[in-house]
Amino acid sequence: MIIWTLPIIAALTGYITNYIAIKMLFHPRKKVKILFLEIQGIFPKRQKNLAEKLGKIVAEELFSIEDVKKSLQNPGSAEDISAIVDTRLNDFLDNRLIEAMPMLAMFMNDEIKLKIKSTLLEEVQLMLPELIDRFISKIENDVDIEKTVYEKVVSFSTDKLEDILYSIMSKEFKFIEILGGVLGFMIGLIQIAILQLQ
C-alpha cells in the first residue's frame, strides 16, 4: 500500500514545488536572510534590470521617434489635418466670427466667406510642413522612450508588477503547477515499476 501511494506523493510534491517556484518569482518582496542565504523574489530583485531591458526593447524594436516622424510626414497626415482645419474654419466663419463681431453679419455673404476660407486654408497648407517639422524636433528633443519606459517600470510597485504579469500569464502559471503534479505522478509510477522489477 505504501508503494502505491508513491505516485500521489510525487504528484503532490511536483505540484507544490512548482507552486512555490511561481510564488518565488514575486515573493519575498524584500531580502530575507536565512543563515548565509539571502532570498528575494526574482522580479523584485531584478526590477531595475527588467525596466532597463524593456526600455531598450521598446525604443529599438517596438516604437521609436522615427516611426512618429514617418507617420507625421506621410502625405495622408497633412490631408487629415487640412480636413480638420476645413471643418473648423466652416464653424468659425458661420458661427463664432458672427458671434464675436455681430456687425460683420451685414457684410458677410457666401462669396466673401469662401474667399476668406480659401485664403486661410492656403496659408495653413503652407505652414503645415514647417509646423510638423518643428513638432517632430520638439518630440526628438523632449521625449526619450527608453528612459520613459525605464522610469515607469521602476516606479511600479511589486504588487502592481505581479498583478500585470498574472493578468497576462495566469493560465500559463496554472498549467506549470498542474504539469508539476502530472510529471510527479508519472515519476511515481516509474518508481513503482522499478520496485516491481526488483
N, C-alpha and C. Protein backbone atom coordinates (compact mmCIF):
# COMPACT_ATOMS: atom_id res chain seq x y z
N MET A 1 0.82 -1.21 0.00
CA MET A 1 0.00 0.00 0.00
C MET A 1 0.86 1.26 0.00
N ILE A 2 1.94 1.21 0.80
CA ILE A 2 2.85 2.38 0.87
C ILE A 2 3.45 2.64 -0.50
N ILE A 3 3.83 1.56 -1.20
CA ILE A 3 4.43 1.70 -2.54
C ILE A 3 3.46 2.38 -3.49
N TRP A 4 2.17 1.98 -3.42
CA TRP A 4 1.18 2.52 -4.37
C TRP A 4 0.79 3.98 -4.07
N THR A 5 1.22 4.48 -2.93
CA THR A 5 0.97 5.91 -2.65
C THR A 5 2.06 6.80 -3.26
N LEU A 6 3.14 6.16 -3.76
CA LEU A 6 4.25 6.95 -4.34
C LEU A 6 3.81 7.93 -5.43
N PRO A 7 2.97 7.52 -6.41
CA PRO A 7 2.56 8.47 -7.44
C PRO A 7 1.81 9.69 -6.87
N ILE A 8 0.97 9.44 -5.84
CA ILE A 8 0.21 10.56 -5.23
C ILE A 8 1.15 11.51 -4.51
N ILE A 9 2.08 10.94 -3.75
CA ILE A 9 3.07 11.77 -3.03
C ILE A 9 3.92 12.56 -4.02
N ALA A 10 4.38 11.87 -5.09
CA ALA A 10 5.21 12.53 -6.10
C ALA A 10 4.43 13.62 -6.83
N ALA A 11 3.12 13.38 -7.13
CA ALA A 11 2.27 14.38 -7.79
C ALA A 11 2.11 15.61 -6.91
N LEU A 12 1.83 15.37 -5.62
CA LEU A 12 1.70 16.50 -4.67
C LEU A 12 3.00 17.29 -4.57
N THR A 13 4.10 16.54 -4.50
CA THR A 13 5.42 17.19 -4.41
C THR A 13 5.68 18.05 -5.64
N GLY A 14 5.42 17.49 -6.84
CA GLY A 14 5.63 18.23 -8.09
C GLY A 14 4.77 19.48 -8.16
N TYR A 15 3.48 19.33 -7.78
CA TYR A 15 2.55 20.47 -7.82
C TYR A 15 2.98 21.56 -6.85
N ILE A 16 3.25 21.17 -5.59
CA ILE A 16 3.63 22.15 -4.55
C ILE A 16 4.95 22.83 -4.89
N THR A 17 5.92 22.05 -5.41
CA THR A 17 7.23 22.62 -5.79
C THR A 17 7.07 23.70 -6.86
N ASN A 18 6.26 23.39 -7.88
CA ASN A 18 6.06 24.37 -8.96
C ASN A 18 5.27 25.58 -8.46
N TYR A 19 4.29 25.33 -7.57
CA TYR A 19 3.51 26.43 -6.98
C TYR A 19 4.43 27.38 -6.22
N ILE A 20 5.32 26.81 -5.41
CA ILE A 20 6.27 27.63 -4.62
C ILE A 20 7.22 28.38 -5.55
N ALA A 21 7.69 27.69 -6.61
CA ALA A 21 8.61 28.32 -7.57
C ALA A 21 7.98 29.54 -8.23
N ILE A 22 6.69 29.42 -8.60
CA ILE A 22 5.99 30.56 -9.22
C ILE A 22 5.83 31.69 -8.21
N LYS A 23 5.45 31.35 -6.98
CA LYS A 23 5.30 32.38 -5.94
C LYS A 23 6.62 33.10 -5.69
N MET A 24 7.73 32.33 -5.80
CA MET A 24 9.04 32.93 -5.53
C MET A 24 9.51 33.86 -6.65
N LEU A 25 8.77 33.90 -7.76
CA LEU A 25 9.06 34.92 -8.77
C LEU A 25 8.81 36.32 -8.20
N PHE A 26 7.83 36.42 -7.28
CA PHE A 26 7.42 37.72 -6.74
C PHE A 26 7.65 37.88 -5.24
N HIS A 27 7.86 36.78 -4.54
CA HIS A 27 7.99 36.83 -3.07
C HIS A 27 9.28 36.13 -2.64
N PRO A 28 9.88 36.53 -1.55
CA PRO A 28 9.53 37.69 -0.73
C PRO A 28 9.87 39.00 -1.44
N ARG A 29 9.11 40.03 -1.09
CA ARG A 29 9.29 41.34 -1.75
C ARG A 29 10.67 41.94 -1.41
N LYS A 30 11.02 41.83 -0.13
CA LYS A 30 12.31 42.37 0.32
C LYS A 30 13.24 41.23 0.70
N LYS A 31 14.52 41.52 0.71
CA LYS A 31 15.51 40.48 1.03
C LYS A 31 15.28 39.89 2.41
N VAL A 32 15.32 38.57 2.46
CA VAL A 32 15.20 37.85 3.73
C VAL A 32 16.46 37.02 3.90
N LYS A 33 17.08 37.14 5.07
CA LYS A 33 18.32 36.41 5.31
C LYS A 33 18.03 35.15 6.13
N ILE A 34 18.39 34.01 5.56
CA ILE A 34 18.27 32.73 6.27
C ILE A 34 19.66 32.12 6.33
N LEU A 35 20.24 32.14 7.54
CA LEU A 35 21.64 31.71 7.75
C LEU A 35 22.56 32.50 6.82
N PHE A 36 23.17 31.81 5.85
CA PHE A 36 24.10 32.51 4.95
C PHE A 36 23.44 32.89 3.62
N LEU A 37 22.16 32.55 3.49
CA LEU A 37 21.47 32.81 2.23
C LEU A 37 20.61 34.07 2.30
N GLU A 38 20.64 34.85 1.21
CA GLU A 38 19.73 35.99 1.06
C GLU A 38 18.70 35.61 0.01
N ILE A 39 17.42 35.63 0.40
CA ILE A 39 16.36 35.24 -0.53
C ILE A 39 15.48 36.44 -0.83
N GLN A 40 15.19 36.60 -2.14
CA GLN A 40 14.27 37.65 -2.59
C GLN A 40 13.63 37.19 -3.90
N GLY A 41 12.38 37.58 -4.10
CA GLY A 41 11.69 37.23 -5.35
C GLY A 41 12.47 37.72 -6.56
N ILE A 42 12.39 36.98 -7.65
CA ILE A 42 13.19 37.31 -8.85
C ILE A 42 12.81 38.68 -9.40
N PHE A 43 11.50 38.94 -9.54
CA PHE A 43 11.09 40.21 -10.14
C PHE A 43 11.41 41.42 -9.25
N PRO A 44 11.12 41.36 -7.93
CA PRO A 44 11.53 42.50 -7.09
C PRO A 44 13.05 42.73 -7.13
N LYS A 45 13.81 41.62 -7.16
CA LYS A 45 15.28 41.72 -7.15
C LYS A 45 15.80 42.29 -8.47
N ARG A 46 15.16 41.91 -9.58
CA ARG A 46 15.67 42.29 -10.91
C ARG A 46 14.82 43.36 -11.59
N GLN A 47 14.03 44.09 -10.81
CA GLN A 47 13.10 45.06 -11.40
C GLN A 47 13.82 46.13 -12.23
N LYS A 48 14.91 46.65 -11.70
CA LYS A 48 15.66 47.69 -12.44
C LYS A 48 16.22 47.14 -13.73
N ASN A 49 16.74 45.92 -13.65
CA ASN A 49 17.30 45.28 -14.83
C ASN A 49 16.22 45.03 -15.88
N LEU A 50 15.05 44.57 -15.41
CA LEU A 50 13.90 44.34 -16.29
C LEU A 50 13.46 45.65 -16.95
N ALA A 51 13.40 46.73 -16.16
CA ALA A 51 13.00 48.04 -16.68
C ALA A 51 13.97 48.52 -17.76
N GLU A 52 15.26 48.31 -17.51
CA GLU A 52 16.30 48.72 -18.47
C GLU A 52 16.15 47.95 -19.79
N LYS A 53 15.96 46.63 -19.69
CA LYS A 53 15.83 45.79 -20.89
C LYS A 53 14.56 46.14 -21.66
N LEU A 54 13.45 46.34 -20.93
CA LEU A 54 12.19 46.70 -21.58
C LEU A 54 12.29 48.04 -22.30
N GLY A 55 12.95 48.99 -21.64
CA GLY A 55 13.16 50.32 -22.25
C GLY A 55 13.89 50.20 -23.57
N LYS A 56 14.95 49.40 -23.60
CA LYS A 56 15.74 49.21 -24.82
C LYS A 56 14.92 48.52 -25.91
N ILE A 57 14.19 47.47 -25.51
CA ILE A 57 13.38 46.73 -26.49
C ILE A 57 12.32 47.63 -27.11
N VAL A 58 11.61 48.39 -26.26
CA VAL A 58 10.54 49.27 -26.77
C VAL A 58 11.12 50.33 -27.69
N ALA A 59 12.23 50.95 -27.26
CA ALA A 59 12.82 52.04 -28.04
C ALA A 59 13.45 51.56 -29.35
N GLU A 60 14.04 50.36 -29.33
CA GLU A 60 14.77 49.89 -30.51
C GLU A 60 13.92 49.01 -31.43
N GLU A 61 13.00 48.24 -30.84
CA GLU A 61 12.27 47.25 -31.64
C GLU A 61 10.79 47.57 -31.86
N LEU A 62 10.15 48.18 -30.86
CA LEU A 62 8.69 48.32 -30.94
C LEU A 62 8.21 49.71 -31.34
N PHE A 63 8.86 50.75 -30.82
CA PHE A 63 8.36 52.10 -31.05
C PHE A 63 9.52 53.08 -30.99
N SER A 64 9.59 53.96 -31.96
CA SER A 64 10.66 54.96 -31.96
C SER A 64 10.14 56.30 -32.46
N ILE A 65 10.89 57.34 -32.18
CA ILE A 65 10.54 58.69 -32.65
C ILE A 65 10.55 58.71 -34.18
N GLU A 66 11.41 57.88 -34.76
CA GLU A 66 11.49 57.80 -36.23
C GLU A 66 10.15 57.34 -36.82
N ASP A 67 9.47 56.42 -36.11
CA ASP A 67 8.14 55.97 -36.55
C ASP A 67 7.13 57.12 -36.54
N VAL A 68 7.18 57.91 -35.47
CA VAL A 68 6.28 59.08 -35.35
C VAL A 68 6.58 60.06 -36.47
N LYS A 69 7.87 60.28 -36.71
CA LYS A 69 8.31 61.20 -37.76
C LYS A 69 7.76 60.78 -39.13
N LYS A 70 7.92 59.50 -39.47
CA LYS A 70 7.44 59.00 -40.76
C LYS A 70 5.92 59.15 -40.88
N SER A 71 5.23 58.85 -39.77
CA SER A 71 3.77 58.93 -39.77
C SER A 71 3.30 60.37 -39.99
N LEU A 72 3.94 61.32 -39.32
CA LEU A 72 3.54 62.72 -39.45
C LEU A 72 3.90 63.30 -40.81
N GLN A 73 5.01 62.82 -41.39
CA GLN A 73 5.45 63.33 -42.68
C GLN A 73 4.73 62.65 -43.86
N ASN A 74 3.92 61.67 -43.56
CA ASN A 74 3.12 60.99 -44.58
C ASN A 74 2.13 61.99 -45.18
N PRO A 75 2.01 62.06 -46.51
CA PRO A 75 1.06 63.00 -47.13
C PRO A 75 -0.36 62.85 -46.60
N GLY A 76 -0.74 61.65 -46.24
CA GLY A 76 -2.09 61.42 -45.69
C GLY A 76 -2.33 62.20 -44.42
N SER A 77 -1.28 62.38 -43.59
CA SER A 77 -1.42 63.13 -42.33
C SER A 77 -1.75 64.58 -42.62
N ALA A 78 -1.06 65.17 -43.61
CA ALA A 78 -1.33 66.57 -43.99
C ALA A 78 -2.76 66.73 -44.49
N GLU A 79 -3.24 65.74 -45.24
CA GLU A 79 -4.63 65.78 -45.74
C GLU A 79 -5.63 65.71 -44.59
N ASP A 80 -5.34 64.83 -43.61
CA ASP A 80 -6.22 64.72 -42.44
C ASP A 80 -6.29 66.03 -41.67
N ILE A 81 -5.12 66.65 -41.49
CA ILE A 81 -5.06 67.93 -40.77
C ILE A 81 -5.84 69.00 -41.54
N SER A 82 -5.66 69.03 -42.87
CA SER A 82 -6.37 70.01 -43.71
C SER A 82 -7.88 69.82 -43.60
N ALA A 83 -8.33 68.56 -43.55
CA ALA A 83 -9.77 68.28 -43.44
C ALA A 83 -10.31 68.81 -42.11
N ILE A 84 -9.54 68.62 -41.03
CA ILE A 84 -9.96 69.12 -39.71
C ILE A 84 -10.02 70.64 -39.72
N VAL A 85 -8.98 71.26 -40.30
CA VAL A 85 -8.93 72.73 -40.38
C VAL A 85 -10.11 73.25 -41.18
N ASP A 86 -10.43 72.57 -42.29
CA ASP A 86 -11.56 72.96 -43.14
C ASP A 86 -12.87 72.97 -42.35
N THR A 87 -13.09 71.92 -41.57
CA THR A 87 -14.31 71.83 -40.75
C THR A 87 -14.36 72.94 -39.71
N ARG A 88 -13.21 73.17 -39.06
CA ARG A 88 -13.15 74.20 -38.02
C ARG A 88 -13.35 75.60 -38.61
N LEU A 89 -12.81 75.82 -39.81
CA LEU A 89 -12.98 77.13 -40.46
C LEU A 89 -14.44 77.38 -40.81
N ASN A 90 -15.12 76.35 -41.29
CA ASN A 90 -16.56 76.49 -41.59
C ASN A 90 -17.32 76.92 -40.35
N ASP A 91 -17.04 76.24 -39.21
CA ASP A 91 -17.70 76.57 -37.95
C ASP A 91 -17.35 77.99 -37.51
N PHE A 92 -16.07 78.34 -37.68
CA PHE A 92 -15.61 79.68 -37.29
C PHE A 92 -16.31 80.77 -38.10
N LEU A 93 -16.36 80.61 -39.40
CA LEU A 93 -16.95 81.63 -40.28
C LEU A 93 -18.48 81.69 -40.15
N ASP A 94 -19.11 80.54 -39.95
CA ASP A 94 -20.58 80.51 -39.88
C ASP A 94 -21.12 80.93 -38.52
N ASN A 95 -20.34 80.65 -37.46
CA ASN A 95 -20.89 80.89 -36.12
C ASN A 95 -20.04 81.81 -35.25
N ARG A 96 -18.83 81.41 -34.97
CA ARG A 96 -18.02 82.09 -33.97
C ARG A 96 -17.67 83.53 -34.36
N LEU A 97 -17.31 83.73 -35.62
CA LEU A 97 -16.93 85.08 -36.06
C LEU A 97 -18.11 86.04 -35.94
N ILE A 98 -19.29 85.59 -36.35
CA ILE A 98 -20.50 86.44 -36.28
C ILE A 98 -20.88 86.72 -34.83
N GLU A 99 -20.71 85.67 -33.95
CA GLU A 99 -21.00 85.87 -32.52
C GLU A 99 -20.05 86.88 -31.91
N ALA A 100 -18.78 86.80 -32.29
CA ALA A 100 -17.77 87.72 -31.73
C ALA A 100 -17.92 89.14 -32.30
N MET A 101 -18.28 89.21 -33.59
CA MET A 101 -18.42 90.53 -34.24
C MET A 101 -19.76 90.56 -34.99
N PRO A 102 -20.86 90.84 -34.32
CA PRO A 102 -22.19 90.82 -34.96
C PRO A 102 -22.31 91.78 -36.15
N MET A 103 -21.55 92.89 -36.14
CA MET A 103 -21.63 93.88 -37.23
C MET A 103 -21.18 93.28 -38.56
N LEU A 104 -20.30 92.26 -38.51
CA LEU A 104 -19.81 91.65 -39.74
C LEU A 104 -20.90 90.92 -40.51
N ALA A 105 -21.97 90.53 -39.82
CA ALA A 105 -23.06 89.78 -40.45
C ALA A 105 -23.65 90.56 -41.64
N MET A 106 -23.61 91.88 -41.55
CA MET A 106 -24.16 92.72 -42.64
C MET A 106 -23.33 92.60 -43.91
N PHE A 107 -22.01 92.36 -43.77
CA PHE A 107 -21.12 92.35 -44.93
C PHE A 107 -20.80 90.93 -45.43
N MET A 108 -21.09 89.96 -44.57
CA MET A 108 -20.70 88.59 -44.91
C MET A 108 -21.73 87.95 -45.83
N ASN A 109 -21.25 87.44 -46.93
CA ASN A 109 -22.08 86.59 -47.79
C ASN A 109 -21.26 85.35 -48.16
N ASP A 110 -21.85 84.44 -48.91
CA ASP A 110 -21.18 83.18 -49.23
C ASP A 110 -19.88 83.39 -50.00
N GLU A 111 -19.86 84.37 -50.88
CA GLU A 111 -18.66 84.62 -51.70
C GLU A 111 -17.49 85.10 -50.83
N ILE A 112 -17.80 86.04 -49.92
CA ILE A 112 -16.74 86.56 -49.02
C ILE A 112 -16.25 85.45 -48.10
N LYS A 113 -17.19 84.65 -47.56
CA LYS A 113 -16.80 83.53 -46.69
C LYS A 113 -15.87 82.56 -47.43
N LEU A 114 -16.21 82.26 -48.68
CA LEU A 114 -15.40 81.34 -49.49
C LEU A 114 -13.99 81.89 -49.71
N LYS A 115 -13.90 83.21 -49.98
CA LYS A 115 -12.58 83.83 -50.19
C LYS A 115 -11.74 83.78 -48.93
N ILE A 116 -12.37 84.14 -47.80
CA ILE A 116 -11.65 84.11 -46.51
C ILE A 116 -11.17 82.70 -46.22
N LYS A 117 -12.08 81.73 -46.42
CA LYS A 117 -11.77 80.34 -46.13
C LYS A 117 -10.63 79.82 -47.00
N SER A 118 -10.71 80.08 -48.32
CA SER A 118 -9.67 79.58 -49.23
C SER A 118 -8.32 80.23 -48.94
N THR A 119 -8.32 81.52 -48.57
CA THR A 119 -7.07 82.22 -48.23
C THR A 119 -6.45 81.61 -46.97
N LEU A 120 -7.29 81.39 -45.95
CA LEU A 120 -6.79 80.82 -44.69
C LEU A 120 -6.29 79.38 -44.90
N LEU A 121 -7.03 78.61 -45.72
CA LEU A 121 -6.62 77.23 -45.98
C LEU A 121 -5.27 77.17 -46.69
N GLU A 122 -5.07 78.06 -47.67
CA GLU A 122 -3.78 78.13 -48.38
C GLU A 122 -2.65 78.43 -47.41
N GLU A 123 -2.92 79.39 -46.49
CA GLU A 123 -1.90 79.77 -45.50
C GLU A 123 -1.57 78.59 -44.58
N VAL A 124 -2.62 77.89 -44.15
CA VAL A 124 -2.42 76.72 -43.27
C VAL A 124 -1.61 75.65 -43.98
N GLN A 125 -1.93 75.38 -45.25
CA GLN A 125 -1.21 74.35 -46.01
C GLN A 125 0.25 74.71 -46.23
N LEU A 126 0.52 76.02 -46.35
CA LEU A 126 1.91 76.47 -46.46
C LEU A 126 2.65 76.30 -45.14
N MET A 127 1.93 76.51 -44.04
CA MET A 127 2.55 76.43 -42.71
C MET A 127 2.74 75.00 -42.23
N LEU A 128 1.89 74.08 -42.71
CA LEU A 128 1.87 72.70 -42.19
C LEU A 128 3.23 72.02 -42.17
N PRO A 129 3.99 71.99 -43.30
CA PRO A 129 5.29 71.30 -43.27
C PRO A 129 6.22 71.84 -42.18
N GLU A 130 6.24 73.17 -42.04
CA GLU A 130 7.11 73.77 -41.01
C GLU A 130 6.63 73.40 -39.61
N LEU A 131 5.30 73.44 -39.40
CA LEU A 131 4.75 73.10 -38.09
C LEU A 131 5.06 71.64 -37.73
N ILE A 132 4.89 70.75 -38.72
CA ILE A 132 5.17 69.32 -38.48
C ILE A 132 6.65 69.12 -38.16
N ASP A 133 7.55 69.79 -38.91
CA ASP A 133 9.00 69.67 -38.65
C ASP A 133 9.35 70.16 -37.25
N ARG A 134 8.75 71.29 -36.85
CA ARG A 134 9.02 71.83 -35.51
C ARG A 134 8.50 70.89 -34.43
N PHE A 135 7.32 70.34 -34.67
CA PHE A 135 6.72 69.41 -33.71
C PHE A 135 7.60 68.17 -33.55
N ILE A 136 8.09 67.65 -34.67
CA ILE A 136 8.97 66.47 -34.65
C ILE A 136 10.26 66.78 -33.90
N SER A 137 10.84 67.96 -34.18
CA SER A 137 12.09 68.36 -33.49
C SER A 137 11.87 68.44 -31.99
N LYS A 138 10.71 68.99 -31.59
CA LYS A 138 10.42 69.10 -30.16
C LYS A 138 10.30 67.72 -29.52
N ILE A 139 9.61 66.79 -30.22
CA ILE A 139 9.48 65.43 -29.70
C ILE A 139 10.85 64.77 -29.57
N GLU A 140 11.69 64.94 -30.62
CA GLU A 140 13.03 64.34 -30.59
C GLU A 140 13.86 64.86 -29.42
N ASN A 141 13.69 66.14 -29.11
CA ASN A 141 14.46 66.75 -28.02
C ASN A 141 13.90 66.40 -26.64
N ASP A 142 12.56 66.33 -26.56
CA ASP A 142 11.92 66.20 -25.24
C ASP A 142 11.59 64.77 -24.82
N VAL A 143 11.41 63.87 -25.80
CA VAL A 143 10.94 62.51 -25.46
C VAL A 143 12.05 61.48 -25.61
N ASP A 144 12.34 60.79 -24.53
CA ASP A 144 13.29 59.69 -24.53
C ASP A 144 12.51 58.42 -24.16
N ILE A 145 12.14 57.65 -25.18
CA ILE A 145 11.27 56.48 -24.96
C ILE A 145 11.89 55.48 -24.00
N GLU A 146 13.18 55.21 -24.21
CA GLU A 146 13.87 54.23 -23.35
C GLU A 146 13.82 54.66 -21.89
N LYS A 147 14.11 55.94 -21.66
CA LYS A 147 14.12 56.47 -20.29
C LYS A 147 12.71 56.46 -19.69
N THR A 148 11.71 56.82 -20.51
CA THR A 148 10.32 56.87 -20.03
C THR A 148 9.85 55.49 -19.61
N VAL A 149 10.12 54.47 -20.44
CA VAL A 149 9.71 53.10 -20.11
C VAL A 149 10.43 52.64 -18.85
N TYR A 150 11.75 52.92 -18.77
CA TYR A 150 12.54 52.53 -17.60
C TYR A 150 11.93 53.12 -16.32
N GLU A 151 11.65 54.42 -16.35
CA GLU A 151 11.13 55.10 -15.16
C GLU A 151 9.76 54.56 -14.75
N LYS A 152 8.92 54.27 -15.76
CA LYS A 152 7.58 53.74 -15.47
C LYS A 152 7.67 52.37 -14.81
N VAL A 153 8.50 51.49 -15.37
CA VAL A 153 8.59 50.11 -14.84
C VAL A 153 9.24 50.12 -13.46
N VAL A 154 10.26 50.94 -13.27
CA VAL A 154 10.94 51.03 -11.95
C VAL A 154 9.98 51.56 -10.89
N SER A 155 9.08 52.47 -11.31
CA SER A 155 8.16 53.07 -10.33
C SER A 155 6.99 52.15 -9.97
N PHE A 156 6.79 51.06 -10.75
CA PHE A 156 5.73 50.11 -10.41
C PHE A 156 5.99 49.52 -9.03
N SER A 157 4.94 49.40 -8.25
CA SER A 157 5.07 48.64 -7.00
C SER A 157 5.16 47.16 -7.40
N THR A 158 5.77 46.35 -6.55
CA THR A 158 5.89 44.92 -6.86
C THR A 158 4.50 44.27 -6.93
N ASP A 159 3.54 44.82 -6.16
CA ASP A 159 2.15 44.32 -6.24
C ASP A 159 1.58 44.54 -7.64
N LYS A 160 1.81 45.74 -8.17
CA LYS A 160 1.29 46.07 -9.50
C LYS A 160 1.96 45.21 -10.56
N LEU A 161 3.27 45.04 -10.42
CA LEU A 161 4.02 44.20 -11.37
C LEU A 161 3.49 42.77 -11.35
N GLU A 162 3.22 42.26 -10.14
CA GLU A 162 2.68 40.90 -10.01
C GLU A 162 1.30 40.82 -10.65
N ASP A 163 0.45 41.83 -10.40
CA ASP A 163 -0.89 41.86 -10.99
C ASP A 163 -0.83 41.86 -12.51
N ILE A 164 0.09 42.66 -13.07
CA ILE A 164 0.22 42.75 -14.54
C ILE A 164 0.63 41.40 -15.11
N LEU A 165 1.67 40.79 -14.53
CA LEU A 165 2.16 39.51 -15.05
C LEU A 165 1.14 38.39 -14.86
N TYR A 166 0.42 38.41 -13.73
CA TYR A 166 -0.61 37.39 -13.51
C TYR A 166 -1.78 37.57 -14.48
N SER A 167 -2.13 38.83 -14.79
CA SER A 167 -3.23 39.07 -15.74
C SER A 167 -2.87 38.56 -17.13
N ILE A 168 -1.56 38.58 -17.46
CA ILE A 168 -1.11 38.11 -18.78
C ILE A 168 -0.89 36.59 -18.77
N MET A 169 -0.33 36.07 -17.67
CA MET A 169 0.17 34.69 -17.69
C MET A 169 -0.47 33.77 -16.66
N SER A 170 -1.64 34.12 -16.14
CA SER A 170 -2.24 33.29 -15.08
C SER A 170 -2.50 31.85 -15.56
N LYS A 171 -2.97 31.70 -16.81
CA LYS A 171 -3.24 30.36 -17.35
C LYS A 171 -1.94 29.55 -17.46
N GLU A 172 -0.88 30.22 -17.90
CA GLU A 172 0.41 29.54 -18.05
C GLU A 172 0.96 29.12 -16.70
N PHE A 173 0.82 29.99 -15.69
CA PHE A 173 1.28 29.64 -14.35
C PHE A 173 0.52 28.43 -13.81
N LYS A 174 -0.80 28.43 -14.02
CA LYS A 174 -1.63 27.30 -13.56
C LYS A 174 -1.22 26.01 -14.28
N PHE A 175 -0.94 26.13 -15.58
CA PHE A 175 -0.51 24.97 -16.36
C PHE A 175 0.80 24.40 -15.81
N ILE A 176 1.74 25.29 -15.45
CA ILE A 176 3.04 24.85 -14.90
C ILE A 176 2.82 24.10 -13.58
N GLU A 177 1.91 24.61 -12.75
CA GLU A 177 1.61 23.94 -11.47
C GLU A 177 1.05 22.54 -11.72
N ILE A 178 0.06 22.46 -12.62
CA ILE A 178 -0.57 21.16 -12.93
C ILE A 178 0.44 20.22 -13.57
N LEU A 179 1.26 20.76 -14.46
CA LEU A 179 2.29 19.94 -15.11
C LEU A 179 3.24 19.33 -14.09
N GLY A 180 3.57 20.11 -13.06
CA GLY A 180 4.42 19.58 -11.97
C GLY A 180 3.77 18.37 -11.32
N GLY A 181 2.44 18.44 -11.08
CA GLY A 181 1.70 17.32 -10.49
C GLY A 181 1.68 16.11 -11.41
N VAL A 182 1.43 16.36 -12.70
CA VAL A 182 1.37 15.26 -13.69
C VAL A 182 2.72 14.56 -13.80
N LEU A 183 3.79 15.37 -13.94
CA LEU A 183 5.14 14.78 -14.04
C LEU A 183 5.51 14.02 -12.78
N GLY A 184 5.12 14.59 -11.62
CA GLY A 184 5.38 13.91 -10.35
C GLY A 184 4.67 12.56 -10.30
N PHE A 185 3.42 12.54 -10.74
CA PHE A 185 2.64 11.29 -10.77
C PHE A 185 3.31 10.25 -11.66
N MET A 186 3.77 10.69 -12.83
CA MET A 186 4.44 9.78 -13.77
C MET A 186 5.74 9.24 -13.19
N ILE A 187 6.48 10.11 -12.50
CA ILE A 187 7.73 9.67 -11.85
C ILE A 187 7.43 8.63 -10.77
N GLY A 188 6.32 8.86 -10.03
CA GLY A 188 5.89 7.89 -9.01
C GLY A 188 5.58 6.54 -9.63
N LEU A 189 4.91 6.54 -10.78
CA LEU A 189 4.60 5.28 -11.48
C LEU A 189 5.88 4.57 -11.93
N ILE A 190 6.84 5.36 -12.41
CA ILE A 190 8.13 4.78 -12.85
C ILE A 190 8.85 4.14 -11.65
N GLN A 191 8.77 4.83 -10.48
CA GLN A 191 9.39 4.28 -9.27
C GLN A 191 8.75 2.95 -8.88
N ILE A 192 7.41 2.86 -8.98
CA ILE A 192 6.71 1.62 -8.70
C ILE A 192 7.17 0.51 -9.65
N ALA A 193 7.28 0.86 -10.94
CA ALA A 193 7.70 -0.12 -11.95
C ALA A 193 9.09 -0.65 -11.65
N ILE A 194 10.01 0.28 -11.25
CA ILE A 194 11.38 -0.13 -10.91
C ILE A 194 11.36 -1.04 -9.70
N LEU A 195 10.56 -0.68 -8.68
CA LEU A 195 10.48 -1.51 -7.45
C LEU A 195 9.91 -2.90 -7.76
N GLN A 196 8.90 -2.94 -8.65
CA GLN A 196 8.29 -4.23 -9.01
C GLN A 196 9.29 -5.11 -9.75
N LEU A 197 10.10 -4.49 -10.61
CA LEU A 197 11.11 -5.24 -11.37
C LEU A 197 12.17 -5.82 -10.43
N GLN A 198 12.46 -5.06 -9.36
CA GLN A 198 13.46 -5.55 -8.40
C GLN A 198 12.90 -6.72 -7.59
